[in-house]
Amino acid sequence: MLYTSPIMRLLEYNIESGGFGSYDRTLTPPPERLDLIKETVSGAQADVVVFVDTYRWGNPEVFADNASLAREFGYRQAYQADLDDERLKAIGRDNGIAVLTREDARFETIRLGNRNAVKASIRTAGSPLDIFAVYLDDLSEDVRLSQIRTLISHTDPAVPTIIAGDFNTLAPVDTKGAKIRYGQILTRIPVSRAGNLFSISEKIRNQKVIPYLESRGFTDTGATKRNPTAPTKKFHRLAFPILRLDYVMTKGTGPVRIAVIRNHITDRASDHYPVLGNVEYPHG
């Protein structure tokens, strides 16, 4: 079936360890935060959902297959892929990515050097639309840049494209604010708990991914409001978001309205807040 509305609602959400209490593989399914995640998705009423960090969701003990994942959230289709990152697998954290759609889509796993991403090709009444779901490296901007360069080689310049996910990077416009907020959060949370939060020091020193994507014609849809997405109060009861790590980048679409969903549910559902975008795209 075709998407016929001129506006597509897209939800991007890093759900932290697949909704489990930790990355301990002995924890028994279902994930303890699954109901909170489902409530967030239901309230967003998104046409497309991009989940990041779907830890263990590829395990049949959690979801038997993609069809059962789609049914769990009330969507027509779903596709889950593990990152297959050797570094993460060595520490027992082979996180994943999942995409849910209300209408038919064609999915494929693409390799970004050392880990996987997901491509969803969607049919609309106007033109095709490609959505890439990514979870970029958490330790190195140079690795992230290499991953995103590889992803760009999989894009079609003639097709409107969205890249959504946890980029694990800062945009240059966010650096000053991130430094200020990090200083503020250290006055509320012990350094022993906050530490180098989300590898913030590395992210403040290096910002290459967003400028590269902008040089390739992509728009950082969150750059105007610049609302940070992590951490949440789940990280610590006195925490507040200081970093914008979650992005919806677009090329060839119309205007996009972006909002970060902060409420009593998303405070507890993950250490990231979800991003909801209303994306206008070419419509016949």
Foldseek 3Di string as FASTA:
>chain_A
DAAADLKFKEKEEAQAQLQAPHLPPVDADDRPLVVLVLVVLVVSPGQKYKYWFNHCCVPCSHPVAQVSVCVVNVADTKDKDFFQAVVCVVVSRRGIMMMGGNDDWDKDWDHQPRTIKMWTWHHHQFFIEIEIEDDADLAAPVRLQSSVVVVVVVDDQVHKYKYWYQSNAAAPVQLVQLVVLVVVVCVVDPCVLCPCNSVVVNRSVDDDRVVVVVVVAKDFLCVPVQDAWFAACLSPVPDDGRHNRITIIIHQWDHKDKDFDDDPSQSNRHRTTMMMMITRGGHD
